[in-house]
Amino acid sequence: MPNTTATATAIEIFQTPEGKQWLLAGTDSNGNRLFVPAHLDPTKVSRLAWASETFLRAELGDLTAATMPLGQDAA
């Protein structure tokens, strides 16, 4: 399966328990979701800086669908 990047029409924002927002940037070759901080454009950020969902969950807690508009972090 090839790597993919989220399209502008399918923007998905997720947040940590503290309210920090992450943008779904795409998936890796195994189908694992990859994220960038929501204020960044994944097309302009090196893929090396994208964070895996596994890493974010381990470091920051569960990711849930954002309940606040983009850029309105709770913290």
N, C-alpha and C. Protein backbone atom coordinates (compact mmCIF):
# COMPACT_ATOMS: atom_id res chain seq x y z
N MET A 1 0.85 -1.18 0.00
CA MET A 1 0.00 0.00 0.00
C MET A 1 0.89 1.24 0.00
N PRO A 2 0.67 2.19 -0.89
CA PRO A 2 1.51 3.39 -0.94
C PRO A 2 1.20 4.35 0.19
N ASN A 3 2.16 5.23 0.46
CA ASN A 3 1.93 6.30 1.43
C ASN A 3 0.92 7.25 0.85
N THR A 4 0.11 7.85 1.71
CA THR A 4 -0.88 8.83 1.24
C THR A 4 -0.79 10.09 2.07
N THR A 5 -1.32 11.15 1.51
CA THR A 5 -1.42 12.42 2.21
C THR A 5 -2.89 12.81 2.21
N ALA A 6 -3.38 13.33 3.34
CA ALA A 6 -4.77 13.75 3.42
C ALA A 6 -5.02 14.88 2.42
N THR A 7 -6.19 14.88 1.81
CA THR A 7 -6.53 15.93 0.86
C THR A 7 -7.21 17.09 1.56
N ALA A 8 -7.24 18.22 0.90
CA ALA A 8 -7.86 19.41 1.49
C ALA A 8 -9.35 19.21 1.75
N THR A 9 -9.98 18.32 1.01
CA THR A 9 -11.41 18.09 1.20
C THR A 9 -11.69 17.11 2.32
N ALA A 10 -10.66 16.46 2.84
CA ALA A 10 -10.86 15.45 3.88
C ALA A 10 -10.01 15.76 5.11
N ILE A 11 -10.05 16.99 5.57
CA ILE A 11 -9.26 17.39 6.74
C ILE A 11 -9.88 16.77 7.99
N GLU A 12 -9.03 16.09 8.76
CA GLU A 12 -9.47 15.50 10.02
C GLU A 12 -8.56 16.01 11.12
N ILE A 13 -9.16 16.62 12.13
CA ILE A 13 -8.43 17.16 13.27
C ILE A 13 -8.74 16.29 14.49
N PHE A 14 -7.69 15.95 15.21
CA PHE A 14 -7.82 15.16 16.44
C PHE A 14 -7.17 15.94 17.57
N GLN A 15 -7.52 15.61 18.80
CA GLN A 15 -6.92 16.30 19.93
C GLN A 15 -6.55 15.32 21.03
N THR A 16 -5.56 15.76 21.82
CA THR A 16 -5.11 14.99 22.97
C THR A 16 -6.02 15.31 24.16
N PRO A 17 -5.88 14.59 25.26
CA PRO A 17 -6.68 14.91 26.45
C PRO A 17 -6.48 16.35 26.93
N GLU A 18 -5.30 16.94 26.67
CA GLU A 18 -5.04 18.32 27.08
C GLU A 18 -5.58 19.33 26.07
N GLY A 19 -6.09 18.85 24.94
CA GLY A 19 -6.67 19.75 23.95
C GLY A 19 -5.75 20.17 22.81
N LYS A 20 -4.53 19.65 22.79
CA LYS A 20 -3.63 19.96 21.68
C LYS A 20 -4.14 19.28 20.42
N GLN A 21 -4.16 20.02 19.32
CA GLN A 21 -4.76 19.51 18.09
C GLN A 21 -3.72 19.01 17.10
N TRP A 22 -4.06 17.90 16.44
CA TRP A 22 -3.20 17.25 15.45
C TRP A 22 -3.99 17.00 14.19
N LEU A 23 -3.38 17.27 13.06
CA LEU A 23 -4.00 17.09 11.76
C LEU A 23 -3.59 15.75 11.18
N LEU A 24 -4.56 14.97 10.73
CA LEU A 24 -4.25 13.71 10.05
C LEU A 24 -3.58 14.07 8.73
N ALA A 25 -2.29 13.71 8.61
CA ALA A 25 -1.50 14.08 7.43
C ALA A 25 -1.55 13.01 6.36
N GLY A 26 -1.76 11.75 6.75
CA GLY A 26 -1.78 10.67 5.78
C GLY A 26 -1.54 9.34 6.48
N THR A 27 -1.11 8.36 5.70
CA THR A 27 -0.82 7.04 6.25
C THR A 27 0.52 6.56 5.71
N ASP A 28 1.11 5.63 6.45
CA ASP A 28 2.36 5.03 5.96
C ASP A 28 2.03 3.80 5.12
N SER A 29 3.05 3.11 4.68
CA SER A 29 2.85 1.97 3.79
C SER A 29 2.11 0.80 4.45
N ASN A 30 2.00 0.82 5.78
CA ASN A 30 1.27 -0.23 6.50
C ASN A 30 -0.15 0.20 6.87
N GLY A 31 -0.54 1.39 6.46
CA GLY A 31 -1.88 1.89 6.78
C GLY A 31 -1.98 2.59 8.12
N ASN A 32 -0.84 2.78 8.82
CA ASN A 32 -0.85 3.49 10.10
C ASN A 32 -1.02 4.98 9.87
N ARG A 33 -1.86 5.61 10.69
CA ARG A 33 -2.12 7.04 10.52
C ARG A 33 -0.94 7.87 11.02
N LEU A 34 -0.67 8.98 10.29
CA LEU A 34 0.42 9.89 10.61
C LEU A 34 -0.15 11.30 10.78
N PHE A 35 0.41 12.05 11.74
CA PHE A 35 -0.13 13.35 12.10
C PHE A 35 0.96 14.43 12.13
N VAL A 36 0.51 15.67 11.97
CA VAL A 36 1.35 16.85 12.20
C VAL A 36 0.55 17.76 13.13
N PRO A 37 1.23 18.67 13.86
CA PRO A 37 0.47 19.64 14.65
C PRO A 37 -0.52 20.36 13.73
N ALA A 38 -1.71 20.61 14.23
CA ALA A 38 -2.81 21.11 13.39
C ALA A 38 -2.52 22.46 12.73
N HIS A 39 -1.62 23.24 13.27
CA HIS A 39 -1.33 24.55 12.67
C HIS A 39 -0.36 24.45 11.49
N LEU A 40 0.16 23.25 11.22
CA LEU A 40 1.11 23.07 10.12
C LEU A 40 0.43 22.47 8.90
N ASP A 41 1.00 22.75 7.74
CA ASP A 41 0.52 22.20 6.48
C ASP A 41 1.36 20.97 6.15
N PRO A 42 0.76 19.77 6.14
CA PRO A 42 1.56 18.56 5.90
C PRO A 42 2.27 18.55 4.55
N THR A 43 1.79 19.32 3.59
CA THR A 43 2.47 19.37 2.28
C THR A 43 3.74 20.20 2.33
N LYS A 44 3.92 20.96 3.42
CA LYS A 44 5.09 21.81 3.56
C LYS A 44 6.03 21.37 4.68
N VAL A 45 5.65 20.30 5.39
CA VAL A 45 6.45 19.78 6.49
C VAL A 45 7.11 18.48 6.03
N SER A 46 8.40 18.34 6.31
CA SER A 46 9.10 17.11 5.95
C SER A 46 8.39 15.90 6.53
N ARG A 47 8.26 14.88 5.74
CA ARG A 47 7.60 13.65 6.20
C ARG A 47 8.34 13.05 7.40
N LEU A 48 9.61 13.35 7.53
CA LEU A 48 10.37 12.85 8.69
C LEU A 48 9.85 13.42 10.00
N ALA A 49 9.14 14.55 9.93
CA ALA A 49 8.62 15.20 11.14
C ALA A 49 7.20 14.74 11.48
N TRP A 50 6.59 13.95 10.62
CA TRP A 50 5.24 13.47 10.91
C TRP A 50 5.30 12.47 12.06
N ALA A 51 4.30 12.49 12.94
CA ALA A 51 4.27 11.60 14.10
C ALA A 51 3.25 10.49 13.88
N SER A 52 3.62 9.29 14.23
CA SER A 52 2.69 8.17 14.11
C SER A 52 1.65 8.24 15.22
N GLU A 53 0.50 7.67 14.94
CA GLU A 53 -0.56 7.62 15.95
C GLU A 53 -0.08 6.84 17.18
N THR A 54 0.68 5.78 16.97
CA THR A 54 1.20 4.97 18.07
C THR A 54 2.08 5.82 18.98
N PHE A 55 2.96 6.62 18.38
CA PHE A 55 3.84 7.48 19.18
C PHE A 55 3.03 8.52 19.95
N LEU A 56 2.09 9.18 19.29
CA LEU A 56 1.29 10.21 19.96
C LEU A 56 0.49 9.64 21.12
N ARG A 57 -0.10 8.47 20.92
CA ARG A 57 -0.87 7.85 22.00
C ARG A 57 0.03 7.49 23.19
N ALA A 58 1.22 6.99 22.90
CA ALA A 58 2.14 6.62 23.97
C ALA A 58 2.63 7.84 24.75
N GLU A 59 2.88 8.93 24.05
CA GLU A 59 3.45 10.12 24.68
C GLU A 59 2.41 11.10 25.23
N LEU A 60 1.24 11.19 24.55
CA LEU A 60 0.28 12.24 24.89
C LEU A 60 -1.09 11.75 25.30
N GLY A 61 -1.35 10.45 25.15
CA GLY A 61 -2.66 9.91 25.48
C GLY A 61 -3.51 9.70 24.24
N ASP A 62 -4.74 9.27 24.45
CA ASP A 62 -5.63 8.96 23.34
C ASP A 62 -5.95 10.19 22.50
N LEU A 63 -6.08 9.96 21.21
CA LEU A 63 -6.50 11.01 20.28
C LEU A 63 -7.99 10.82 20.01
N THR A 64 -8.73 11.91 20.09
CA THR A 64 -10.16 11.87 19.79
C THR A 64 -10.47 12.94 18.75
N ALA A 65 -11.58 12.79 18.07
CA ALA A 65 -11.97 13.79 17.09
C ALA A 65 -12.08 15.14 17.79
N ALA A 66 -11.56 16.18 17.15
CA ALA A 66 -11.55 17.52 17.76
C ALA A 66 -12.97 18.03 17.95
N THR A 67 -13.19 18.65 19.10
CA THR A 67 -14.49 19.23 19.40
C THR A 67 -14.45 20.75 19.33
N MET A 68 -13.25 21.31 19.10
CA MET A 68 -13.07 22.75 18.99
C MET A 68 -12.57 23.08 17.59
N PRO A 69 -12.86 24.27 17.10
CA PRO A 69 -12.35 24.66 15.79
C PRO A 69 -10.83 24.63 15.74
N LEU A 70 -10.29 24.44 14.54
CA LEU A 70 -8.85 24.45 14.32
C LEU A 70 -8.23 25.70 14.92
N GLY A 71 -7.14 25.52 15.67
CA GLY A 71 -6.44 26.65 16.26
C GLY A 71 -6.98 27.08 17.61
N GLN A 72 -7.96 26.41 18.13
CA GLN A 72 -8.55 26.77 19.41
C GLN A 72 -8.21 25.74 20.47
N ASP A 73 -6.90 25.47 20.64
CA ASP A 73 -6.45 24.50 21.64
C ASP A 73 -7.00 24.87 23.02
N ALA A 74 -7.35 23.84 23.78
CA ALA A 74 -7.85 24.06 25.14
C ALA A 74 -6.73 24.51 26.06
N ALA A 75 -5.50 24.06 25.77
CA ALA A 75 -4.38 24.39 26.66
C ALA A 75 -3.62 25.61 26.16
